[in-house]
Amino acid sequence: MGQGERRAQASVGLVASDFGFASEDAALILRCHGTCLAPGSDVTAVVTMRVALPGIPGFLSGSVPLEVEVVGSARSPVDSLTEDS
């Protein structure tokens, strides 16, 4: 895992903990568009986690889902002035 991946994972963990979730609950996938981390290429981050629905009693688990999958994504260009370029 490279430095960028470690930083992204740390950011995901920080945001998850800010909202009361464990960092292990959030799955991060990074995708490169073009040559990975080359100036001008794009990086997409996708974060997925299961979130319990509040106020639904457990006995309804066969009728209604007790949790939902929440997915967020962001795409950003790689800076042309990166240290590695």
PDB file of N, CA and C in Angstrom:
ATOM      1  N   MET A   1       0.854  -1.172   0.000  1.00  0.00           N
ATOM      2  CA  MET A   1       0.000   0.000   0.000  1.00  0.00           C
ATOM      3  C   MET A   1       0.897   1.232   0.000  1.00  0.00           C
ATOM      4  N   GLY A   2       0.654   2.124  -0.953  1.00  0.00           N
ATOM      5  CA  GLY A   2       1.454   3.329  -1.065  1.00  0.00           C
ATOM      6  C   GLY A   2       1.010   4.415  -0.099  1.00  0.00           C
ATOM      7  N   GLN A   3       1.777   5.483  -0.076  1.00  0.00           N
ATOM      8  CA  GLN A   3       1.489   6.586   0.842  1.00  0.00           C
ATOM      9  C   GLN A   3       0.112   7.198   0.568  1.00  0.00           C
ATOM     10  N   GLY A   4      -0.241   7.359  -0.707  1.00  0.00           N
ATOM     11  CA  GLY A   4      -1.549   7.919  -1.049  1.00  0.00           C
ATOM     12  C   GLY A   4      -2.687   7.052  -0.548  1.00  0.00           C
ATOM     13  N   GLU A   5      -2.541   5.735  -0.703  1.00  0.00           N
ATOM     14  CA  GLU A   5      -3.572   4.809  -0.218  1.00  0.00           C
ATOM     15  C   GLU A   5      -3.690   4.866   1.304  1.00  0.00           C
ATOM     16  N   ARG A   6      -2.546   4.931   1.984  1.00  0.00           N
ATOM     17  CA  ARG A   6      -2.567   5.025   3.447  1.00  0.00           C
ATOM     18  C   ARG A   6      -3.263   6.309   3.903  1.00  0.00           C
ATOM     19  N   ARG A   7      -2.971   7.401   3.218  1.00  0.00           N
ATOM     20  CA  ARG A   7      -3.612   8.674   3.574  1.00  0.00           C
ATOM     21  C   ARG A   7      -5.118   8.623   3.314  1.00  0.00           C
ATOM     22  N   ALA A   8      -5.504   8.030   2.192  1.00  0.00           N
ATOM     23  CA  ALA A   8      -6.935   7.910   1.879  1.00  0.00           C
ATOM     24  C   ALA A   8      -7.639   7.054   2.924  1.00  0.00           C
ATOM     25  N   GLN A   9      -7.018   5.930   3.301  1.00  0.00           N
ATOM     26  CA  GLN A   9      -7.623   5.047   4.301  1.00  0.00           C
ATOM     27  C   GLN A   9      -7.717   5.747   5.655  1.00  0.00           C
ATOM     28  N   ALA A  10      -6.696   6.515   6.007  1.00  0.00           N
ATOM     29  CA  ALA A  10      -6.728   7.263   7.270  1.00  0.00           C
ATOM     30  C   ALA A  10      -7.849   8.302   7.252  1.00  0.00           C
ATOM     31  N   SER A  11      -8.051   8.963   6.119  1.00  0.00           N
ATOM     32  CA  SER A  11      -9.132   9.946   5.994  1.00  0.00           C
ATOM     33  C   SER A  11     -10.494   9.290   6.137  1.00  0.00           C
ATOM     34  N   VAL A  12     -10.660   8.131   5.508  1.00  0.00           N
ATOM     35  CA  VAL A  12     -11.925   7.394   5.616  1.00  0.00           C
ATOM     36  C   VAL A  12     -12.178   7.008   7.072  1.00  0.00           C
ATOM     37  N   GLY A  13     -11.148   6.516   7.752  1.00  0.00           N
ATOM     38  CA  GLY A  13     -11.289   6.139   9.157  1.00  0.00           C
ATOM     39  C   GLY A  13     -11.648   7.318  10.040  1.00  0.00           C
ATOM     40  N   LEU A  14     -11.052   8.468   9.770  1.00  0.00           N
ATOM     41  CA  LEU A  14     -11.332   9.674  10.553  1.00  0.00           C
ATOM     42  C   LEU A  14     -12.783  10.123  10.373  1.00  0.00           C
ATOM     43  N   VAL A  15     -13.249  10.139   9.134  1.00  0.00           N
ATOM     44  CA  VAL A  15     -14.636  10.543   8.876  1.00  0.00           C
ATOM     45  C   VAL A  15     -15.607   9.538   9.486  1.00  0.00           C
ATOM     46  N   ALA A  16     -15.309   8.247   9.347  1.00  0.00           N
ATOM     47  CA  ALA A  16     -16.181   7.222   9.942  1.00  0.00           C
ATOM     48  C   ALA A  16     -16.281   7.428  11.451  1.00  0.00           C
ATOM     49  N   SER A  17     -15.150   7.655  12.108  1.00  0.00           N
ATOM     50  CA  SER A  17     -15.178   7.835  13.565  1.00  0.00           C
ATOM     51  C   SER A  17     -15.895   9.127  13.960  1.00  0.00           C
ATOM     52  N   ASP A  18     -15.810  10.158  13.123  1.00  0.00           N
ATOM     53  CA  ASP A  18     -16.545  11.401  13.396  1.00  0.00           C
ATOM     54  C   ASP A  18     -18.051  11.162  13.460  1.00  0.00           C
ATOM     55  N   PHE A  19     -18.522  10.151  12.715  1.00  0.00           N
ATOM     56  CA  PHE A  19     -19.948   9.838  12.686  1.00  0.00           C
ATOM     57  C   PHE A  19     -20.307   8.644  13.563  1.00  0.00           C
ATOM     58  N   GLY A  20     -19.366   8.203  14.410  1.00  0.00           N
ATOM     59  CA  GLY A  20     -19.657   7.146  15.369  1.00  0.00           C
ATOM     60  C   GLY A  20     -19.508   5.731  14.844  1.00  0.00           C
ATOM     61  N   PHE A  21     -18.813   5.550  13.724  1.00  0.00           N
ATOM     62  CA  PHE A  21     -18.589   4.221  13.157  1.00  0.00           C
ATOM     63  C   PHE A  21     -17.129   3.828  13.328  1.00  0.00           C
ATOM     64  N   ALA A  22     -16.876   2.530  13.331  1.00  0.00           N
ATOM     65  CA  ALA A  22     -15.498   2.041  13.371  1.00  0.00           C
ATOM     66  C   ALA A  22     -14.899   2.158  11.973  1.00  0.00           C
ATOM     67  N   SER A  23     -13.617   2.476  11.895  1.00  0.00           N
ATOM     68  CA  SER A  23     -12.979   2.620  10.586  1.00  0.00           C
ATOM     69  C   SER A  23     -13.036   1.322   9.786  1.00  0.00           C
ATOM     70  N   GLU A  24     -13.080   0.175  10.484  1.00  0.00           N
ATOM     71  CA  GLU A  24     -13.145  -1.119   9.801  1.00  0.00           C
ATOM     72  C   GLU A  24     -14.490  -1.321   9.100  1.00  0.00           C
ATOM     73  N   ASP A  25     -15.502  -0.542   9.471  1.00  0.00           N
ATOM     74  CA  ASP A  25     -16.826  -0.670   8.860  1.00  0.00           C
ATOM     75  C   ASP A  25     -16.882  -0.077   7.456  1.00  0.00           C
ATOM     76  N   ALA A  26     -15.918   0.753   7.108  1.00  0.00           N
ATOM     77  CA  ALA A  26     -15.919   1.431   5.812  1.00  0.00           C
ATOM     78  C   ALA A  26     -14.915   0.763   4.875  1.00  0.00           C
ATOM     79  N   ALA A  27     -15.387   0.391   3.690  1.00  0.00           N
ATOM     80  CA  ALA A  27     -14.515  -0.216   2.679  1.00  0.00           C
ATOM     81  C   ALA A  27     -14.143   0.850   1.650  1.00  0.00           C
ATOM     82  N   LEU A  28     -12.854   0.968   1.367  1.00  0.00           N
ATOM     83  CA  LEU A  28     -12.349   1.955   0.414  1.00  0.00           C
ATOM     84  C   LEU A  28     -11.815   1.249  -0.818  1.00  0.00           C
ATOM     85  N   ILE A  29     -12.233   1.716  -1.982  1.00  0.00           N
ATOM     86  CA  ILE A  29     -11.686   1.234  -3.254  1.00  0.00           C
ATOM     87  C   ILE A  29     -11.172   2.453  -4.004  1.00  0.00           C
ATOM     88  N   LEU A  30      -9.929   2.387  -4.456  1.00  0.00           N
ATOM     89  CA  LEU A  30      -9.333   3.460  -5.252  1.00  0.00           C
ATOM     90  C   LEU A  30      -9.168   2.968  -6.683  1.00  0.00           C
ATOM     91  N   ARG A  31      -9.537   3.809  -7.645  1.00  0.00           N
ATOM     92  CA  ARG A  31      -9.405   3.459  -9.063  1.00  0.00           C
ATOM     93  C   ARG A  31      -8.678   4.590  -9.778  1.00  0.00           C
ATOM     94  N   CYS A  32      -7.797   4.212 -10.686  1.00  0.00           N
ATOM     95  CA  CYS A  32      -7.074   5.200 -11.483  1.00  0.00           C
ATOM     96  C   CYS A  32      -7.652   5.240 -12.893  1.00  0.00           C
ATOM     97  N   HIS A  33      -7.708   6.430 -13.459  1.00  0.00           N
ATOM     98  CA  HIS A  33      -8.144   6.633 -14.833  1.00  0.00           C
ATOM     99  C   HIS A  33      -6.949   7.226 -15.571  1.00  0.00           C
ATOM    100  N   GLY A  34      -6.398   6.478 -16.499  1.00  0.00           N
ATOM    101  CA  GLY A  34      -5.151   6.863 -17.135  1.00  0.00           C
ATOM    102  C   GLY A  34      -4.017   6.181 -16.387  1.00  0.00           C
ATOM    103  N   THR A  35      -2.803   6.662 -16.575  1.00  0.00           N
ATOM    104  CA  THR A  35      -1.659   6.104 -15.853  1.00  0.00           C
ATOM    105  C   THR A  35      -1.781   6.505 -14.389  1.00  0.00           C
ATOM    106  N   CYS A  36      -1.828   5.518 -13.519  1.00  0.00           N
ATOM    107  CA  CYS A  36      -2.104   5.770 -12.106  1.00  0.00           C
ATOM    108  C   CYS A  36      -1.101   6.749 -11.499  1.00  0.00           C
ATOM    109  N   LEU A  37      -1.629   7.797 -10.923  1.00  0.00           N
ATOM    110  CA  LEU A  37      -0.890   8.855 -10.232  1.00  0.00           C
ATOM    111  C   LEU A  37       0.006   9.696 -11.132  1.00  0.00           C
ATOM    112  N   ALA A  38      -0.160   9.578 -12.449  1.00  0.00           N
ATOM    113  CA  ALA A  38       0.575  10.455 -13.359  1.00  0.00           C
ATOM    114  C   ALA A  38      -0.125  11.809 -13.390  1.00  0.00           C
ATOM    115  N   PRO A  39       0.635  12.899 -13.456  1.00  0.00           N
ATOM    116  CA  PRO A  39       0.002  14.216 -13.521  1.00  0.00           C
ATOM    117  C   PRO A  39      -1.027  14.265 -14.651  1.00  0.00           C
ATOM    118  N   GLY A  40      -2.203  14.785 -14.343  1.00  0.00           N
ATOM    119  CA  GLY A  40      -3.272  14.878 -15.326  1.00  0.00           C
ATOM    120  C   GLY A  40      -4.214  13.690 -15.340  1.00  0.00           C
ATOM    121  N   SER A  41      -3.823  12.577 -14.716  1.00  0.00           N
ATOM    122  CA  SER A  41      -4.735  11.432 -14.636  1.00  0.00           C
ATOM    123  C   SER A  41      -5.731  11.686 -13.503  1.00  0.00           C
ATOM    124  N   ASP A  42      -6.749  10.849 -13.419  1.00  0.00           N
ATOM    125  CA  ASP A  42      -7.767  10.992 -12.376  1.00  0.00           C
ATOM    126  C   ASP A  42      -7.736   9.804 -11.432  1.00  0.00           C
ATOM    127  N   VAL A  43      -8.060  10.062 -10.170  1.00  0.00           N
ATOM    128  CA  VAL A  43      -8.208   9.007  -9.170  1.00  0.00           C
ATOM    129  C   VAL A  43      -9.630   9.098  -8.624  1.00  0.00           C
ATOM    130  N   THR A  44     -10.301   7.947  -8.557  1.00  0.00           N
ATOM    131  CA  THR A  44     -11.642   7.879  -7.985  1.00  0.00           C
ATOM    132  C   THR A  44     -11.580   7.080  -6.693  1.00  0.00           C
ATOM    133  N   ALA A  45     -12.179   7.609  -5.653  1.00  0.00           N
ATOM    134  CA  ALA A  45     -12.294   6.908  -4.369  1.00  0.00           C
ATOM    135  C   ALA A  45     -13.762   6.565  -4.157  1.00  0.00           C
ATOM    136  N   VAL A  46     -14.023   5.293  -3.829  1.00  0.00           N
ATOM    137  CA  VAL A  46     -15.378   4.833  -3.543  1.00  0.00           C
ATOM    138  C   VAL A  46     -15.371   4.239  -2.138  1.00  0.00           C
ATOM    139  N   VAL A  47     -16.255   4.736  -1.277  1.00  0.00           N
ATOM    140  CA  VAL A  47     -16.357   4.242   0.097  1.00  0.00           C
ATOM    141  C   VAL A  47     -17.748   3.638   0.275  1.00  0.00           C
ATOM    142  N   THR A  48     -17.777   2.424   0.835  1.00  0.00           N
ATOM    143  CA  THR A  48     -19.028   1.712   1.064  1.00  0.00           C
ATOM    144  C   THR A  48     -19.088   1.278   2.518  1.00  0.00           C
ATOM    145  N   MET A  49     -20.267   1.405   3.121  1.00  0.00           N
ATOM    146  CA  MET A  49     -20.459   0.878   4.472  1.00  0.00           C
ATOM    147  C   MET A  49     -21.925   0.538   4.700  1.00  0.00           C
ATOM    148  N   ARG A  50     -22.151  -0.403   5.600  1.00  0.00           N
ATOM    149  CA  ARG A  50     -23.505  -0.787   5.997  1.00  0.00           C
ATOM    150  C   ARG A  50     -23.883   0.046   7.219  1.00  0.00           C
ATOM    151  N   VAL A  51     -25.072   0.628   7.187  1.00  0.00           N
ATOM    152  CA  VAL A  51     -25.524   1.505   8.261  1.00  0.00           C
ATOM    153  C   VAL A  51     -26.860   0.993   8.785  1.00  0.00           C
ATOM    154  N   ALA A  52     -26.926   0.810  10.092  1.00  0.00           N
ATOM    155  CA  ALA A  52     -28.167   0.348  10.718  1.00  0.00           C
ATOM    156  C   ALA A  52     -29.223   1.444  10.652  1.00  0.00           C
ATOM    157  N   LEU A  53     -30.445   1.031  10.366  1.00  0.00           N
ATOM    158  CA  LEU A  53     -31.558   1.980  10.356  1.00  0.00           C
ATOM    159  C   LEU A  53     -32.065   2.160  11.784  1.00  0.00           C
ATOM    160  N   PRO A  54     -32.122   3.388  12.267  1.00  0.00           N
ATOM    161  CA  PRO A  54     -32.564   3.610  13.645  1.00  0.00           C
ATOM    162  C   PRO A  54     -34.073   3.411  13.792  1.00  0.00           C
ATOM    163  N   GLY A  55     -34.464   2.967  14.962  1.00  0.00           N
ATOM    164  CA  GLY A  55     -35.878   2.899  15.293  1.00  0.00           C
ATOM    165  C   GLY A  55     -36.642   1.706  14.753  1.00  0.00           C
ATOM    166  N   ILE A  56     -35.950   0.759  14.116  1.00  0.00           N
ATOM    167  CA  ILE A  56     -36.647  -0.424  13.607  1.00  0.00           C
ATOM    168  C   ILE A  56     -36.386  -1.574  14.567  1.00  0.00           C
ATOM    169  N   PRO A  57     -37.423  -2.123  15.176  1.00  0.00           N
ATOM    170  CA  PRO A  57     -37.230  -3.221  16.128  1.00  0.00           C
ATOM    171  C   PRO A  57     -36.732  -4.484  15.427  1.00  0.00           C
ATOM    172  N   GLY A  58     -35.888  -5.236  16.132  1.00  0.00           N
ATOM    173  CA  GLY A  58     -35.285  -6.443  15.580  1.00  0.00           C
ATOM    174  C   GLY A  58     -36.273  -7.488  15.114  1.00  0.00           C
ATOM    175  N   PHE A  59     -37.456  -7.565  15.728  1.00  0.00           N
ATOM    176  CA  PHE A  59     -38.410  -8.610  15.342  1.00  0.00           C
ATOM    177  C   PHE A  59     -38.953  -8.401  13.921  1.00  0.00           C
ATOM    178  N   LEU A  60     -38.715  -7.234  13.331  1.00  0.00           N
ATOM    179  CA  LEU A  60     -39.149  -6.978  11.956  1.00  0.00           C
ATOM    180  C   LEU A  60     -38.096  -7.367  10.917  1.00  0.00           C
ATOM    181  N   SER A  61     -37.010  -7.989  11.360  1.00  0.00           N
ATOM    182  CA  SER A  61     -35.895  -8.277  10.455  1.00  0.00           C
ATOM    183  C   SER A  61     -36.286  -9.123   9.251  1.00  0.00           C
ATOM    184  N   GLY A  62     -37.318  -9.955   9.364  1.00  0.00           N
ATOM    185  CA  GLY A  62     -37.749 -10.747   8.218  1.00  0.00           C
ATOM    186  C   GLY A  62     -38.581  -9.956   7.231  1.00  0.00           C
ATOM    187  N   SER A  63     -39.106  -8.814   7.653  1.00  0.00           N
ATOM    188  CA  SER A  63     -40.002  -8.024   6.808  1.00  0.00           C
ATOM    189  C   SER A  63     -39.351  -6.772   6.223  1.00  0.00           C
ATOM    190  N   VAL A  64     -38.488  -6.165   6.999  1.00  0.00           N
ATOM    191  CA  VAL A  64     -37.859  -4.913   6.588  1.00  0.00           C
ATOM    192  C   VAL A  64     -36.356  -5.021   6.828  1.00  0.00           C
ATOM    193  N   PRO A  65     -35.558  -4.418   5.963  1.00  0.00           N
ATOM    194  CA  PRO A  65     -34.111  -4.446   6.221  1.00  0.00           C
ATOM    195  C   PRO A  65     -33.774  -3.630   7.470  1.00  0.00           C
ATOM    196  N   LEU A  66     -32.829  -4.141   8.248  1.00  0.00           N
ATOM    197  CA  LEU A  66     -32.405  -3.425   9.452  1.00  0.00           C
ATOM    198  C   LEU A  66     -31.220  -2.505   9.179  1.00  0.00           C
ATOM    199  N   GLU A  67     -30.644  -2.638   7.995  1.00  0.00           N
ATOM    200  CA  GLU A  67     -29.531  -1.780   7.619  1.00  0.00           C
ATOM    201  C   GLU A  67     -29.553  -1.563   6.113  1.00  0.00           C
ATOM    202  N   VAL A  68     -28.857  -0.524   5.690  1.00  0.00           N
ATOM    203  CA  VAL A  68     -28.748  -0.209   4.268  1.00  0.00           C
ATOM    204  C   VAL A  68     -27.279  -0.017   3.920  1.00  0.00           C
ATOM    205  N   GLU A  69     -26.965  -0.194   2.651  1.00  0.00           N
ATOM    206  CA  GLU A  69     -25.611   0.059   2.177  1.00  0.00           C
ATOM    207  C   GLU A  69     -25.543   1.504   1.689  1.00  0.00           C
ATOM    208  N   VAL A  70     -24.570   2.230   2.193  1.00  0.00           N
ATOM    209  CA  VAL A  70     -24.365   3.621   1.800  1.00  0.00           C
ATOM    210  C   VAL A  70     -23.059   3.686   1.015  1.00  0.00           C
ATOM    211  N   VAL A  71     -23.109   4.315  -0.158  1.00  0.00           N
ATOM    212  CA  VAL A  71     -21.936   4.405  -1.030  1.00  0.00           C
ATOM    213  C   VAL A  71     -21.697   5.869  -1.380  1.00  0.00           C
ATOM    214  N   GLY A  72     -20.452   6.281  -1.284  1.00  0.00           N
ATOM    215  CA  GLY A  72     -20.070   7.629  -1.696  1.00  0.00           C
ATOM    216  C   GLY A  72     -18.846   7.552  -2.582  1.00  0.00           C
ATOM    217  N   SER A  73     -18.746   8.448  -3.548  1.00  0.00           N
ATOM    218  CA  SER A  73     -17.573   8.435  -4.420  1.00  0.00           C
ATOM    219  C   SER A  73     -17.149   9.862  -4.749  1.00  0.00           C
ATOM    220  N   ALA A  74     -15.876   9.993  -5.067  1.00  0.00           N
ATOM    221  CA  ALA A  74     -15.314  11.282  -5.472  1.00  0.00           C
ATOM    222  C   ALA A  74     -14.215  11.022  -6.491  1.00  0.00           C
ATOM    223  N   ARG A  75     -14.111  11.905  -7.458  1.00  0.00           N
ATOM    224  CA  ARG A  75     -13.084  11.773  -8.497  1.00  0.00           C
ATOM    225  C   ARG A  75     -12.298  13.074  -8.539  1.00  0.00           C
ATOM    226  N   SER A  76     -10.969  12.946  -8.610  1.00  0.00           N
ATOM    227  CA  SER A  76     -10.123  14.133  -8.580  1.00  0.00           C
ATOM    228  C   SER A  76      -8.913  13.944  -9.492  1.00  0.00           C
ATOM    229  N   PRO A  77      -8.488  15.007 -10.165  1.00  0.00           N
ATOM    230  CA  PRO A  77      -7.281  14.900 -10.990  1.00  0.00           C
ATOM    231  C   PRO A  77      -6.030  14.882 -10.116  1.00  0.00           C
ATOM    232  N   VAL A  78      -5.002  14.219 -10.612  1.00  0.00           N
ATOM    233  CA  VAL A  78      -3.701  14.210  -9.936  1.00  0.00           C
ATOM    234  C   VAL A  78      -3.011  15.527 -10.268  1.00  0.00           C
ATOM    235  N   ASP A  79      -2.516  16.195  -9.264  1.00  0.00           N
ATOM    236  CA  ASP A  79      -1.853  17.486  -9.426  1.00  0.00           C
ATOM    237  C   ASP A  79      -0.626  17.344 -10.319  1.00  0.00           C
ATOM    238  N   SER A  80      -0.427  18.300 -11.206  1.00  0.00           N
ATOM    239  CA  SER A  80       0.741  18.248 -12.092  1.00  0.00           C
ATOM    240  C   SER A  80       2.027  18.598 -11.356  1.00  0.00           C
ATOM    241  N   LEU A  81       1.929  19.072 -10.130  1.00  0.00           N
ATOM    242  CA  LEU A  81       3.113  19.426  -9.343  1.00  0.00           C
ATOM    243  C   LEU A  81       3.351  18.434  -8.212  1.00  0.00           C
ATOM    244  N   THR A  82       3.004  17.163  -8.433  1.00  0.00           N
ATOM    245  CA  THR A  82       3.203  16.166  -7.387  1.00  0.00           C
ATOM    246  C   THR A  82       4.675  15.908  -7.167  1.00  0.00           C
ATOM    247  N   GLU A  83       4.985  15.457  -5.974  1.00  0.00           N
ATOM    248  CA  GLU A  83       6.362  15.177  -5.582  1.00  0.00           C
ATOM    249  C   GLU A  83       6.964  14.046  -6.412  1.00  0.00           C
ATOM    250  N   ASP A  84       6.126  13.066  -6.813  1.00  0.00           N
ATOM    251  CA  ASP A  84       6.628  11.891  -7.516  1.00  0.00           C
ATOM    252  C   ASP A  84       6.760  12.091  -9.017  1.00  0.00           C
ATOM    253  N   SER A  85       6.334  13.223  -9.572  1.00  0.00           N
ATOM    254  CA  SER A  85       6.375  13.390 -11.032  1.00  0.00           C
ATOM    255  C   SER A  85       7.715  13.908 -11.500  1.00  0.00           C
TER     256      SER A  85
END
